[in-house]
Amino acid sequence: MSGHDPQMLKGVLPLLLLRLVSDAEDYGYSLVLRLQELGLADLNEGTVYPALSRLESRGLLGSRLVPSTTGPARKYYEITPAGAAELSGGVSAWESLARTVHSVLSPATSARNQR
């Protein structure tokens, strides 16, 4: 991923998927496109579909097959109550971590540590 560390993305991708699906149910390829449009241009289906499967197997997403007029049926994902709780906790944890990382990386912290 140009500009994005794959390991960092792997850690945060489930949270991003839960967030997108919490807005409205959606299918895998559409989620890939949405994430690409939001700045993860090199993200591909081979990364997203396994993450969706893991979220579903953990009971954080539910799914249903919807016939398509242009090909095979699409698997639409929706967030479950457990997924909504996971999303809420995940957002809080992410915001806390981001504040800490930002604090450590900020120029003010660097200047303090050079004294």
PDB file of N, CA and C in Angstrom:
ATOM      1  N   MET A   1       0.842  -1.171   0.000  1.00  0.00           N
ATOM      2  CA  MET A   1       0.000   0.000   0.000  1.00  0.00           C
ATOM      3  C   MET A   1       0.889   1.237   0.000  1.00  0.00           C
ATOM      4  N   SER A   2       0.831   1.999  -0.996  1.00  0.00           N
ATOM      5  CA  SER A   2       1.670   3.187  -1.021  1.00  0.00           C
ATOM      6  C   SER A   2       1.157   4.160   0.027  1.00  0.00           C
ATOM      7  N   GLY A   3       2.058   4.530   0.930  1.00  0.00           N
ATOM      8  CA  GLY A   3       1.696   5.483   1.960  1.00  0.00           C
ATOM      9  C   GLY A   3       1.015   4.891   3.165  1.00  0.00           C
ATOM     10  N   HIS A   4       0.620   3.645   3.125  1.00  0.00           N
ATOM     11  CA  HIS A   4      -0.053   3.024   4.253  1.00  0.00           C
ATOM     12  C   HIS A   4       0.663   1.724   4.617  1.00  0.00           C
ATOM     13  N   ASP A   5       1.078   1.629   5.856  1.00  0.00           N
ATOM     14  CA  ASP A   5       1.730   0.421   6.330  1.00  0.00           C
ATOM     15  C   ASP A   5       0.701  -0.715   6.357  1.00  0.00           C
ATOM     16  N   PRO A   6       0.969  -1.813   5.662  1.00  0.00           N
ATOM     17  CA  PRO A   6       0.000  -2.910   5.608  1.00  0.00           C
ATOM     18  C   PRO A   6      -0.349  -3.481   6.982  1.00  0.00           C
ATOM     19  N   GLN A   7       0.608  -3.520   7.894  1.00  0.00           N
ATOM     20  CA  GLN A   7       0.320  -4.056   9.223  1.00  0.00           C
ATOM     21  C   GLN A   7      -0.596  -3.124  10.014  1.00  0.00           C
ATOM     22  N   MET A   8      -0.369  -1.826   9.884  1.00  0.00           N
ATOM     23  CA  MET A   8      -1.270  -0.877  10.554  1.00  0.00           C
ATOM     24  C   MET A   8      -2.675  -0.993   9.990  1.00  0.00           C
ATOM     25  N   LEU A   9      -2.755  -1.078   8.657  1.00  0.00           N
ATOM     26  CA  LEU A   9      -4.062  -1.189   8.010  1.00  0.00           C
ATOM     27  C   LEU A   9      -4.768  -2.467   8.435  1.00  0.00           C
ATOM     28  N   LYS A  10      -4.041  -3.560   8.521  1.00  0.00           N
ATOM     29  CA  LYS A  10      -4.643  -4.835   8.933  1.00  0.00           C
ATOM     30  C   LYS A  10      -5.272  -4.709  10.319  1.00  0.00           C
ATOM     31  N   GLY A  11      -4.612  -3.946  11.189  1.00  0.00           N
ATOM     32  CA  GLY A  11      -5.144  -3.783  12.544  1.00  0.00           C
ATOM     33  C   GLY A  11      -6.388  -2.924  12.613  1.00  0.00           C
ATOM     34  N   VAL A  12      -6.510  -1.945  11.730  1.00  0.00           N
ATOM     35  CA  VAL A  12      -7.622  -1.006  11.803  1.00  0.00           C
ATOM     36  C   VAL A  12      -8.742  -1.331  10.800  1.00  0.00           C
ATOM     37  N   LEU A  13      -8.480  -2.179   9.830  1.00  0.00           N
ATOM     38  CA  LEU A  13      -9.481  -2.491   8.801  1.00  0.00           C
ATOM     39  C   LEU A  13     -10.808  -2.996   9.373  1.00  0.00           C
ATOM     40  N   PRO A  14     -10.807  -3.904  10.346  1.00  0.00           N
ATOM     41  CA  PRO A  14     -12.105  -4.334  10.886  1.00  0.00           C
ATOM     42  C   PRO A  14     -12.927  -3.174  11.445  1.00  0.00           C
ATOM     43  N   LEU A  15     -12.274  -2.236  12.098  1.00  0.00           N
ATOM     44  CA  LEU A  15     -12.977  -1.077  12.638  1.00  0.00           C
ATOM     45  C   LEU A  15     -13.554  -0.223  11.506  1.00  0.00           C
ATOM     46  N   LEU A  16     -12.783  -0.036  10.442  1.00  0.00           N
ATOM     47  CA  LEU A  16     -13.265   0.737   9.294  1.00  0.00           C
ATOM     48  C   LEU A  16     -14.469   0.063   8.643  1.00  0.00           C
ATOM     49  N   LEU A  17     -14.404  -1.248   8.497  1.00  0.00           N
ATOM     50  CA  LEU A  17     -15.521  -1.981   7.881  1.00  0.00           C
ATOM     51  C   LEU A  17     -16.772  -1.907   8.756  1.00  0.00           C
ATOM     52  N   LEU A  18     -16.600  -2.085  10.065  1.00  0.00           N
ATOM     53  CA  LEU A  18     -17.759  -1.965  10.958  1.00  0.00           C
ATOM     54  C   LEU A  18     -18.379  -0.577  10.844  1.00  0.00           C
ATOM     55  N   ARG A  19     -17.536   0.441  10.764  1.00  0.00           N
ATOM     56  CA  ARG A  19     -18.038   1.812  10.671  1.00  0.00           C
ATOM     57  C   ARG A  19     -18.822   2.022   9.379  1.00  0.00           C
ATOM     58  N   LEU A  20     -18.281   1.563   8.259  1.00  0.00           N
ATOM     59  CA  LEU A  20     -18.987   1.749   6.989  1.00  0.00           C
ATOM     60  C   LEU A  20     -20.310   0.984   6.960  1.00  0.00           C
ATOM     61  N   VAL A  21     -20.295  -0.237   7.463  1.00  0.00           N
ATOM     62  CA  VAL A  21     -21.517  -1.054   7.439  1.00  0.00           C
ATOM     63  C   VAL A  21     -22.536  -0.544   8.453  1.00  0.00           C
ATOM     64  N   SER A  22     -22.070   0.168   9.479  1.00  0.00           N
ATOM     65  CA  SER A  22     -23.017   0.724  10.453  1.00  0.00           C
ATOM     66  C   SER A  22     -23.890   1.805   9.831  1.00  0.00           C
ATOM     67  N   ASP A  23     -23.400   2.448   8.764  1.00  0.00           N
ATOM     68  CA  ASP A  23     -24.198   3.468   8.066  1.00  0.00           C
ATOM     69  C   ASP A  23     -25.344   2.826   7.296  1.00  0.00           C
ATOM     70  N   ALA A  24     -25.038   1.743   6.598  1.00  0.00           N
ATOM     71  CA  ALA A  24     -26.033   1.041   5.785  1.00  0.00           C
ATOM     72  C   ALA A  24     -25.434  -0.281   5.344  1.00  0.00           C
ATOM     73  N   GLU A  25     -26.288  -1.295   5.206  1.00  0.00           N
ATOM     74  CA  GLU A  25     -25.764  -2.570   4.734  1.00  0.00           C
ATOM     75  C   GLU A  25     -25.128  -2.370   3.365  1.00  0.00           C
ATOM     76  N   ASP A  26     -24.124  -3.203   3.080  1.00  0.00           N
ATOM     77  CA  ASP A  26     -23.399  -3.041   1.824  1.00  0.00           C
ATOM     78  C   ASP A  26     -22.734  -4.365   1.479  1.00  0.00           C
ATOM     79  N   TYR A  27     -22.290  -4.488   0.238  1.00  0.00           N
ATOM     80  CA  TYR A  27     -21.617  -5.703  -0.205  1.00  0.00           C
ATOM     81  C   TYR A  27     -20.123  -5.445  -0.338  1.00  0.00           C
ATOM     82  N   GLY A  28     -19.357  -6.520  -0.387  1.00  0.00           N
ATOM     83  CA  GLY A  28     -17.908  -6.450  -0.313  1.00  0.00           C
ATOM     84  C   GLY A  28     -17.245  -5.524  -1.307  1.00  0.00           C
ATOM     85  N   TYR A  29     -17.540  -5.677  -2.579  1.00  0.00           N
ATOM     86  CA  TYR A  29     -16.846  -4.868  -3.572  1.00  0.00           C
ATOM     87  C   TYR A  29     -17.174  -3.383  -3.408  1.00  0.00           C
ATOM     88  N   SER A  30     -18.397  -3.083  -3.046  1.00  0.00           N
ATOM     89  CA  SER A  30     -18.775  -1.691  -2.801  1.00  0.00           C
ATOM     90  C   SER A  30     -17.972  -1.124  -1.623  1.00  0.00           C
ATOM     91  N   LEU A  31     -17.760  -1.936  -0.599  1.00  0.00           N
ATOM     92  CA  LEU A  31     -16.959  -1.493   0.546  1.00  0.00           C
ATOM     93  C   LEU A  31     -15.513  -1.233   0.130  1.00  0.00           C
ATOM     94  N   VAL A  32     -14.984  -2.084  -0.738  1.00  0.00           N
ATOM     95  CA  VAL A  32     -13.625  -1.869  -1.264  1.00  0.00           C
ATOM     96  C   VAL A  32     -13.562  -0.514  -1.963  1.00  0.00           C
ATOM     97  N   LEU A  33     -14.523  -0.251  -2.846  1.00  0.00           N
ATOM     98  CA  LEU A  33     -14.537   1.015  -3.582  1.00  0.00           C
ATOM     99  C   LEU A  33     -14.666   2.210  -2.652  1.00  0.00           C
ATOM    100  N   ARG A  34     -15.524   2.097  -1.640  1.00  0.00           N
ATOM    101  CA  ARG A  34     -15.695   3.202  -0.691  1.00  0.00           C
ATOM    102  C   ARG A  34     -14.402   3.483   0.051  1.00  0.00           C
ATOM    103  N   LEU A  35     -13.717   2.438   0.492  1.00  0.00           N
ATOM    104  CA  LEU A  35     -12.453   2.629   1.204  1.00  0.00           C
ATOM    105  C   LEU A  35     -11.389   3.227   0.283  1.00  0.00           C
ATOM    106  N   GLN A  36     -11.377   2.790  -0.965  1.00  0.00           N
ATOM    107  CA  GLN A  36     -10.436   3.369  -1.932  1.00  0.00           C
ATOM    108  C   GLN A  36     -10.716   4.857  -2.118  1.00  0.00           C
ATOM    109  N   GLU A  37     -11.985   5.209  -2.253  1.00  0.00           N
ATOM    110  CA  GLU A  37     -12.369   6.613  -2.432  1.00  0.00           C
ATOM    111  C   GLU A  37     -12.019   7.452  -1.202  1.00  0.00           C
ATOM    112  N   LEU A  38     -12.000   6.829  -0.038  1.00  0.00           N
ATOM    113  CA  LEU A  38     -11.697   7.544   1.199  1.00  0.00           C
ATOM    114  C   LEU A  38     -10.199   7.666   1.468  1.00  0.00           C
ATOM    115  N   GLY A  39      -9.373   7.162   0.540  1.00  0.00           N
ATOM    116  CA  GLY A  39      -7.939   7.370   0.678  1.00  0.00           C
ATOM    117  C   GLY A  39      -7.089   6.125   0.722  1.00  0.00           C
ATOM    118  N   LEU A  40      -7.689   4.959   0.708  1.00  0.00           N
ATOM    119  CA  LEU A  40      -6.934   3.706   0.712  1.00  0.00           C
ATOM    120  C   LEU A  40      -6.910   3.146  -0.710  1.00  0.00           C
ATOM    121  N   ALA A  41      -6.308   3.918  -1.604  1.00  0.00           N
ATOM    122  CA  ALA A  41      -6.375   3.656  -3.041  1.00  0.00           C
ATOM    123  C   ALA A  41      -5.841   2.282  -3.432  1.00  0.00           C
ATOM    124  N   ASP A  42      -4.847   1.767  -2.727  1.00  0.00           N
ATOM    125  CA  ASP A  42      -4.255   0.481  -3.099  1.00  0.00           C
ATOM    126  C   ASP A  42      -4.914  -0.709  -2.412  1.00  0.00           C
ATOM    127  N   LEU A  43      -5.932  -0.473  -1.630  1.00  0.00           N
ATOM    128  CA  LEU A  43      -6.629  -1.561  -0.946  1.00  0.00           C
ATOM    129  C   LEU A  43      -7.303  -2.444  -1.988  1.00  0.00           C
ATOM    130  N   ASN A  44      -7.257  -3.762  -1.775  1.00  0.00           N
ATOM    131  CA  ASN A  44      -7.888  -4.652  -2.751  1.00  0.00           C
ATOM    132  C   ASN A  44      -8.834  -5.632  -2.078  1.00  0.00           C
ATOM    133  N   GLU A  45      -9.571  -6.316  -2.913  1.00  0.00           N
ATOM    134  CA  GLU A  45     -10.571  -7.269  -2.420  1.00  0.00           C
ATOM    135  C   GLU A  45      -9.950  -8.387  -1.600  1.00  0.00           C
ATOM    136  N   GLY A  46      -8.749  -8.776  -1.960  1.00  0.00           N
ATOM    137  CA  GLY A  46      -8.065  -9.857  -1.241  1.00  0.00           C
ATOM    138  C   GLY A  46      -7.756  -9.524   0.206  1.00  0.00           C
ATOM    139  N   THR A  47      -7.827  -8.266   0.547  1.00  0.00           N
ATOM    140  CA  THR A  47      -7.652  -7.832   1.930  1.00  0.00           C
ATOM    141  C   THR A  47      -9.002  -7.682   2.625  1.00  0.00           C
ATOM    142  N   VAL A  48      -9.982  -7.174   1.916  1.00  0.00           N
ATOM    143  CA  VAL A  48     -11.276  -6.853   2.517  1.00  0.00           C
ATOM    144  C   VAL A  48     -12.137  -8.087   2.752  1.00  0.00           C
ATOM    145  N   TYR A  49     -12.230  -8.978   1.770  1.00  0.00           N
ATOM    146  CA  TYR A  49     -13.128 -10.127   1.921  1.00  0.00           C
ATOM    147  C   TYR A  49     -12.766 -11.029   3.103  1.00  0.00           C
ATOM    148  N   PRO A  50     -11.495 -11.337   3.333  1.00  0.00           N
ATOM    149  CA  PRO A  50     -11.177 -12.136   4.537  1.00  0.00           C
ATOM    150  C   PRO A  50     -11.533 -11.405   5.832  1.00  0.00           C
ATOM    151  N   ALA A  51     -11.358 -10.091   5.854  1.00  0.00           N
ATOM    152  CA  ALA A  51     -11.710  -9.319   7.046  1.00  0.00           C
ATOM    153  C   ALA A  51     -13.222  -9.368   7.281  1.00  0.00           C
ATOM    154  N   LEU A  52     -14.007  -9.262   6.218  1.00  0.00           N
ATOM    155  CA  LEU A  52     -15.458  -9.371   6.345  1.00  0.00           C
ATOM    156  C   LEU A  52     -15.853 -10.753   6.868  1.00  0.00           C
ATOM    157  N   SER A  53     -15.216 -11.784   6.362  1.00  0.00           N
ATOM    158  CA  SER A  53     -15.508 -13.151   6.816  1.00  0.00           C
ATOM    159  C   SER A  53     -15.199 -13.322   8.292  1.00  0.00           C
ATOM    160  N   ARG A  54     -14.065 -12.762   8.733  1.00  0.00           N
ATOM    161  CA  ARG A  54     -13.707 -12.857  10.157  1.00  0.00           C
ATOM    162  C   ARG A  54     -14.724 -12.121  11.028  1.00  0.00           C
ATOM    163  N   LEU A  55     -15.150 -10.941  10.582  1.00  0.00           N
ATOM    164  CA  LEU A  55     -16.148 -10.189  11.344  1.00  0.00           C
ATOM    165  C   LEU A  55     -17.467 -10.953  11.414  1.00  0.00           C
ATOM    166  N   GLU A  56     -17.828 -11.586  10.315  1.00  0.00           N
ATOM    167  CA  GLU A  56     -19.067 -12.371  10.303  1.00  0.00           C
ATOM    168  C   GLU A  56     -18.949 -13.586  11.214  1.00  0.00           C
ATOM    169  N   SER A  57     -17.818 -14.270  11.170  1.00  0.00           N
ATOM    170  CA  SER A  57     -17.656 -15.477  12.006  1.00  0.00           C
ATOM    171  C   SER A  57     -17.624 -15.126  13.495  1.00  0.00           C
ATOM    172  N   ARG A  58     -17.231 -13.902  13.816  1.00  0.00           N
ATOM    173  CA  ARG A  58     -17.233 -13.448  15.217  1.00  0.00           C
ATOM    174  C   ARG A  58     -18.608 -12.927  15.643  1.00  0.00           C
ATOM    175  N   GLY A  59     -19.566 -12.913  14.727  1.00  0.00           N
ATOM    176  CA  GLY A  59     -20.911 -12.449  15.049  1.00  0.00           C
ATOM    177  C   GLY A  59     -21.051 -10.937  15.070  1.00  0.00           C
ATOM    178  N   LEU A  60     -20.083 -10.232  14.483  1.00  0.00           N
ATOM    179  CA  LEU A  60     -20.128  -8.775  14.477  1.00  0.00           C
ATOM    180  C   LEU A  60     -20.838  -8.230  13.239  1.00  0.00           C
ATOM    181  N   LEU A  61     -20.929  -9.063  12.210  1.00  0.00           N
ATOM    182  CA  LEU A  61     -21.684  -8.750  11.001  1.00  0.00           C
ATOM    183  C   LEU A  61     -22.610  -9.908  10.685  1.00  0.00           C
ATOM    184  N   GLY A  62     -23.771  -9.587  10.158  1.00  0.00           N
ATOM    185  CA  GLY A  62     -24.657 -10.587   9.589  1.00  0.00           C
ATOM    186  C   GLY A  62     -24.648 -10.392   8.081  1.00  0.00           C
ATOM    187  N   SER A  63     -25.202 -11.344   7.343  1.00  0.00           N
ATOM    188  CA  SER A  63     -25.219 -11.191   5.893  1.00  0.00           C
ATOM    189  C   SER A  63     -26.461 -11.833   5.296  1.00  0.00           C
ATOM    190  N   ARG A  64     -26.738 -11.431   4.059  1.00  0.00           N
ATOM    191  CA  ARG A  64     -27.817 -12.035   3.282  1.00  0.00           C
ATOM    192  C   ARG A  64     -27.437 -11.935   1.816  1.00  0.00           C
ATOM    193  N   LEU A  65     -27.869 -12.915   1.039  1.00  0.00           N
ATOM    194  CA  LEU A  65     -27.607 -12.917  -0.391  1.00  0.00           C
ATOM    195  C   LEU A  65     -28.738 -12.208  -1.119  1.00  0.00           C
ATOM    196  N   VAL A  66     -28.362 -11.326  -2.031  1.00  0.00           N
ATOM    197  CA  VAL A  66     -29.339 -10.571  -2.808  1.00  0.00           C
ATOM    198  C   VAL A  66     -29.063 -10.839  -4.284  1.00  0.00           C
ATOM    199  N   PRO A  67     -30.061 -11.321  -5.028  1.00  0.00           N
ATOM    200  CA  PRO A  67     -29.855 -11.564  -6.460  1.00  0.00           C
ATOM    201  C   PRO A  67     -29.407 -10.290  -7.171  1.00  0.00           C
ATOM    202  N   SER A  68     -28.560 -10.472  -8.166  1.00  0.00           N
ATOM    203  CA  SER A  68     -28.058  -9.345  -8.957  1.00  0.00           C
ATOM    204  C   SER A  68     -28.475  -9.531 -10.403  1.00  0.00           C
ATOM    205  N   THR A  69     -28.820  -8.460 -11.057  1.00  0.00           N
ATOM    206  CA  THR A  69     -29.204  -8.540 -12.471  1.00  0.00           C
ATOM    207  C   THR A  69     -27.983  -8.602 -13.375  1.00  0.00           C
ATOM    208  N   THR A  70     -26.792  -8.319 -12.817  1.00  0.00           N
ATOM    209  CA  THR A  70     -25.580  -8.271 -13.641  1.00  0.00           C
ATOM    210  C   THR A  70     -24.596  -9.391 -13.350  1.00  0.00           C
ATOM    211  N   GLY A  71     -24.988 -10.384 -12.583  1.00  0.00           N
ATOM    212  CA  GLY A  71     -24.061 -11.468 -12.271  1.00  0.00           C
ATOM    213  C   GLY A  71     -24.549 -12.279 -11.093  1.00  0.00           C
ATOM    214  N   PRO A  72     -23.606 -12.887 -10.374  1.00  0.00           N
ATOM    215  CA  PRO A  72     -24.005 -13.713  -9.228  1.00  0.00           C
ATOM    216  C   PRO A  72     -24.610 -12.862  -8.115  1.00  0.00           C
ATOM    217  N   ALA A  73     -25.309 -13.532  -7.212  1.00  0.00           N
ATOM    218  CA  ALA A  73     -25.911 -12.844  -6.071  1.00  0.00           C
ATOM    219  C   ALA A  73     -24.819 -12.152  -5.260  1.00  0.00           C
ATOM    220  N   ARG A  74     -25.182 -11.035  -4.668  1.00  0.00           N
ATOM    221  CA  ARG A  74     -24.250 -10.280  -3.833  1.00  0.00           C
ATOM    222  C   ARG A  74     -24.544 -10.570  -2.366  1.00  0.00           C
ATOM    223  N   LYS A  75     -23.479 -10.688  -1.605  1.00  0.00           N
ATOM    224  CA  LYS A  75     -23.600 -10.900  -0.169  1.00  0.00           C
ATOM    225  C   LYS A  75     -23.553  -9.539   0.509  1.00  0.00           C
ATOM    226  N   TYR A  76     -24.693  -9.128   1.058  1.00  0.00           N
ATOM    227  CA  TYR A  76     -24.780  -7.851   1.754  1.00  0.00           C
ATOM    228  C   TYR A  76     -24.541  -8.077   3.239  1.00  0.00           C
ATOM    229  N   TYR A  77     -23.735  -7.196   3.826  1.00  0.00           N
ATOM    230  CA  TYR A  77     -23.404  -7.279   5.241  1.00  0.00           C
ATOM    231  C   TYR A  77     -24.135  -6.189   6.004  1.00  0.00           C
ATOM    232  N   GLU A  78     -24.552  -6.546   7.231  1.00  0.00           N
ATOM    233  CA  GLU A  78     -25.149  -5.571   8.129  1.00  0.00           C
ATOM    234  C   GLU A  78     -24.518  -5.756   9.505  1.00  0.00           C
ATOM    235  N   ILE A  79     -24.447  -4.681  10.254  1.00  0.00           N
ATOM    236  CA  ILE A  79     -23.842  -4.752  11.571  1.00  0.00           C
ATOM    237  C   ILE A  79     -24.834  -5.387  12.547  1.00  0.00           C
ATOM    238  N   THR A  80     -24.332  -6.189  13.452  1.00  0.00           N
ATOM    239  CA  THR A  80     -25.155  -6.810  14.488  1.00  0.00           C
ATOM    240  C   THR A  80     -25.053  -5.956  15.760  1.00  0.00           C
ATOM    241  N   PRO A  81     -25.902  -6.223  16.753  1.00  0.00           N
ATOM    242  CA  PRO A  81     -25.753  -5.499  18.023  1.00  0.00           C
ATOM    243  C   PRO A  81     -24.354  -5.699  18.635  1.00  0.00           C
ATOM    244  N   ALA A  82     -23.809  -6.899  18.524  1.00  0.00           N
ATOM    245  CA  ALA A  82     -22.445  -7.131  19.026  1.00  0.00           C
ATOM    246  C   ALA A  82     -21.440  -6.320  18.222  1.00  0.00           C
ATOM    247  N   GLY A  83     -21.677  -6.187  16.920  1.00  0.00           N
ATOM    248  CA  GLY A  83     -20.800  -5.382  16.074  1.00  0.00           C
ATOM    249  C   GLY A  83     -20.876  -3.908  16.429  1.00  0.00           C
ATOM    250  N   ALA A  84     -22.076  -3.426  16.749  1.00  0.00           N
ATOM    251  CA  ALA A  84     -22.232  -2.025  17.153  1.00  0.00           C
ATOM    252  C   ALA A  84     -21.485  -1.756  18.456  1.00  0.00           C
ATOM    253  N   ALA A  85     -21.554  -2.706  19.387  1.00  0.00           N
ATOM    254  CA  ALA A  85     -20.820  -2.557  20.651  1.00  0.00           C
ATOM    255  C   ALA A  85     -19.318  -2.590  20.398  1.00  0.00           C
ATOM    256  N   GLU A  86     -18.881  -3.489  19.522  1.00  0.00           N
ATOM    257  CA  GLU A  86     -17.460  -3.573  19.163  1.00  0.00           C
ATOM    258  C   GLU A  86     -17.000  -2.278  18.496  1.00  0.00           C
ATOM    259  N   LEU A  87     -17.816  -1.726  17.622  1.00  0.00           N
ATOM    260  CA  LEU A  87     -17.492  -0.475  16.954  1.00  0.00           C
ATOM    261  C   LEU A  87     -17.336   0.654  17.969  1.00  0.00           C
ATOM    262  N   SER A  88     -18.260   0.754  18.890  1.00  0.00           N
ATOM    263  CA  SER A  88     -18.206   1.808  19.892  1.00  0.00           C
ATOM    264  C   SER A  88     -16.928   1.706  20.731  1.00  0.00           C
ATOM    265  N   GLY A  89     -16.637   0.507  21.222  1.00  0.00           N
ATOM    266  CA  GLY A  89     -15.419   0.306  21.999  1.00  0.00           C
ATOM    267  C   GLY A  89     -14.168   0.518  21.169  1.00  0.00           C
ATOM    268  N   GLY A  90     -14.211   0.087  19.914  1.00  0.00           N
ATOM    269  CA  GLY A  90     -13.067   0.235  19.023  1.00  0.00           C
ATOM    270  C   GLY A  90     -12.765   1.690  18.700  1.00  0.00           C
ATOM    271  N   VAL A  91     -13.811   2.486  18.509  1.00  0.00           N
ATOM    272  CA  VAL A  91     -13.616   3.909  18.230  1.00  0.00           C
ATOM    273  C   VAL A  91     -12.983   4.593  19.444  1.00  0.00           C
ATOM    274  N   SER A  92     -13.475   4.278  20.630  1.00  0.00           N
ATOM    275  CA  SER A  92     -12.895   4.859  21.853  1.00  0.00           C
ATOM    276  C   SER A  92     -11.431   4.459  22.004  1.00  0.00           C
ATOM    277  N   ALA A  93     -11.135   3.190  21.779  1.00  0.00           N
ATOM    278  CA  ALA A  93      -9.755   2.713  21.900  1.00  0.00           C
ATOM    279  C   ALA A  93      -8.868   3.377  20.855  1.00  0.00           C
ATOM    280  N   TRP A  94      -9.368   3.497  19.625  1.00  0.00           N
ATOM    281  CA  TRP A  94      -8.590   4.123  18.553  1.00  0.00           C
ATOM    282  C   TRP A  94      -8.305   5.587  18.877  1.00  0.00           C
ATOM    283  N   GLU A  95      -9.330   6.302  19.325  1.00  0.00           N
ATOM    284  CA  GLU A  95      -9.138   7.727  19.640  1.00  0.00           C
ATOM    285  C   GLU A  95      -8.119   7.903  20.762  1.00  0.00           C
ATOM    286  N   SER A  96      -8.159   7.059  21.755  1.00  0.00           N
ATOM    287  CA  SER A  96      -7.189   7.125  22.851  1.00  0.00           C
ATOM    288  C   SER A  96      -5.780   6.843  22.341  1.00  0.00           C
ATOM    289  N   LEU A  97      -5.641   5.798  21.541  1.00  0.00           N
ATOM    290  CA  LEU A  97      -4.333   5.457  20.986  1.00  0.00           C
ATOM    291  C   LEU A  97      -3.814   6.575  20.080  1.00  0.00           C
ATOM    292  N   ALA A  98      -4.692   7.118  19.235  1.00  0.00           N
ATOM    293  CA  ALA A  98      -4.287   8.180  18.318  1.00  0.00           C
ATOM    294  C   ALA A  98      -3.808   9.410  19.092  1.00  0.00           C
ATOM    295  N   ARG A  99      -4.494   9.759  20.190  1.00  0.00           N
ATOM    296  CA  ARG A  99      -4.057  10.901  21.009  1.00  0.00           C
ATOM    297  C   ARG A  99      -2.666  10.645  21.586  1.00  0.00           C
ATOM    298  N   THR A 100      -2.450   9.432  22.076  1.00  0.00           N
ATOM    299  CA  THR A 100      -1.156   9.088  22.662  1.00  0.00           C
ATOM    300  C   THR A 100      -0.056   9.121  21.609  1.00  0.00           C
ATOM    301  N   VAL A 101      -0.303   8.514  20.464  1.00  0.00           N
ATOM    302  CA  VAL A 101       0.695   8.494  19.388  1.00  0.00           C
ATOM    303  C   VAL A 101       0.985   9.922  18.936  1.00  0.00           C
ATOM    304  N   HIS A 102      -0.055  10.711  18.755  1.00  0.00           N
ATOM    305  CA  HIS A 102       0.136  12.096  18.334  1.00  0.00           C
ATOM    306  C   HIS A 102       0.977  12.851  19.358  1.00  0.00           C
ATOM    307  N   SER A 103       0.695  12.640  20.616  1.00  0.00           N
ATOM    308  CA  SER A 103       1.450  13.303  21.674  1.00  0.00           C
ATOM    309  C   SER A 103       2.928  12.924  21.632  1.00  0.00           C
ATOM    310  N   VAL A 104       3.201  11.655  21.454  1.00  0.00           N
ATOM    311  CA  VAL A 104       4.586  11.190  21.413  1.00  0.00           C
ATOM    312  C   VAL A 104       5.302  11.713  20.174  1.00  0.00           C
ATOM    313  N   LEU A 105       4.613  11.768  19.045  1.00  0.00           N
ATOM    314  CA  LEU A 105       5.232  12.189  17.795  1.00  0.00           C
ATOM    315  C   LEU A 105       5.284  13.700  17.603  1.00  0.00           C
ATOM    316  N   SER A 106       4.601  14.462  18.436  1.00  0.00           N
ATOM    317  CA  SER A 106       4.536  15.908  18.228  1.00  0.00           C
ATOM    318  C   SER A 106       5.889  16.573  18.460  1.00  0.00           C
ATOM    319  N   PRO A 107       6.129  17.669  17.747  1.00  0.00           N
ATOM    320  CA  PRO A 107       7.397  18.400  17.919  1.00  0.00           C
ATOM    321  C   PRO A 107       7.623  18.859  19.354  1.00  0.00           C
ATOM    322  N   ALA A 108       6.566  19.218  20.076  1.00  0.00           N
ATOM    323  CA  ALA A 108       6.715  19.672  21.459  1.00  0.00           C
ATOM    324  C   ALA A 108       7.289  18.562  22.330  1.00  0.00           C
ATOM    325  N   THR A 109       6.841  17.333  22.138  1.00  0.00           N
ATOM    326  CA  THR A 109       7.376  16.202  22.895  1.00  0.00           C
ATOM    327  C   THR A 109       8.815  15.964  22.552  1.00  0.00           C
ATOM    328  N   SER A 110       9.147  16.081  21.269  1.00  0.00           N
ATOM    329  CA  SER A 110      10.521  15.881  20.833  1.00  0.00           C
ATOM    330  C   SER A 110      11.446  16.923  21.457  1.00  0.00           C
ATOM    331  N   ALA A 111      10.996  18.184  21.495  1.00  0.00           N
ATOM    332  CA  ALA A 111      11.816  19.257  22.088  1.00  0.00           C
ATOM    333  C   ALA A 111      12.011  19.023  23.588  1.00  0.00           C
ATOM    334  N   ARG A 112      10.971  18.564  24.274  1.00  0.00           N
ATOM    335  CA  ARG A 112      11.096  18.283  25.719  1.00  0.00           C
ATOM    336  C   ARG A 112      12.112  17.176  25.980  1.00  0.00           C
ATOM    337  N   ASN A 113      12.114  16.165  25.112  1.00  0.00           N
ATOM    338  CA  ASN A 113      12.997  15.023  25.306  1.00  0.00           C
ATOM    339  C   ASN A 113      14.446  15.341  24.982  1.00  0.00           C
ATOM    340  N   GLN A 114      14.706  16.446  24.280  1.00  0.00           N
ATOM    341  CA  GLN A 114      16.075  16.802  23.910  1.00  0.00           C
ATOM    342  C   GLN A 114      16.758  17.615  25.007  1.00  0.00           C
ATOM    343  N   ARG A 115      16.044  18.000  26.028  1.00  0.00           N
ATOM    344  CA  ARG A 115      16.618  18.797  27.122  1.00  0.00           C
ATOM    345  C   ARG A 115      17.475  17.960  28.002  1.00  0.00           C
TER     346      ARG A 115
END
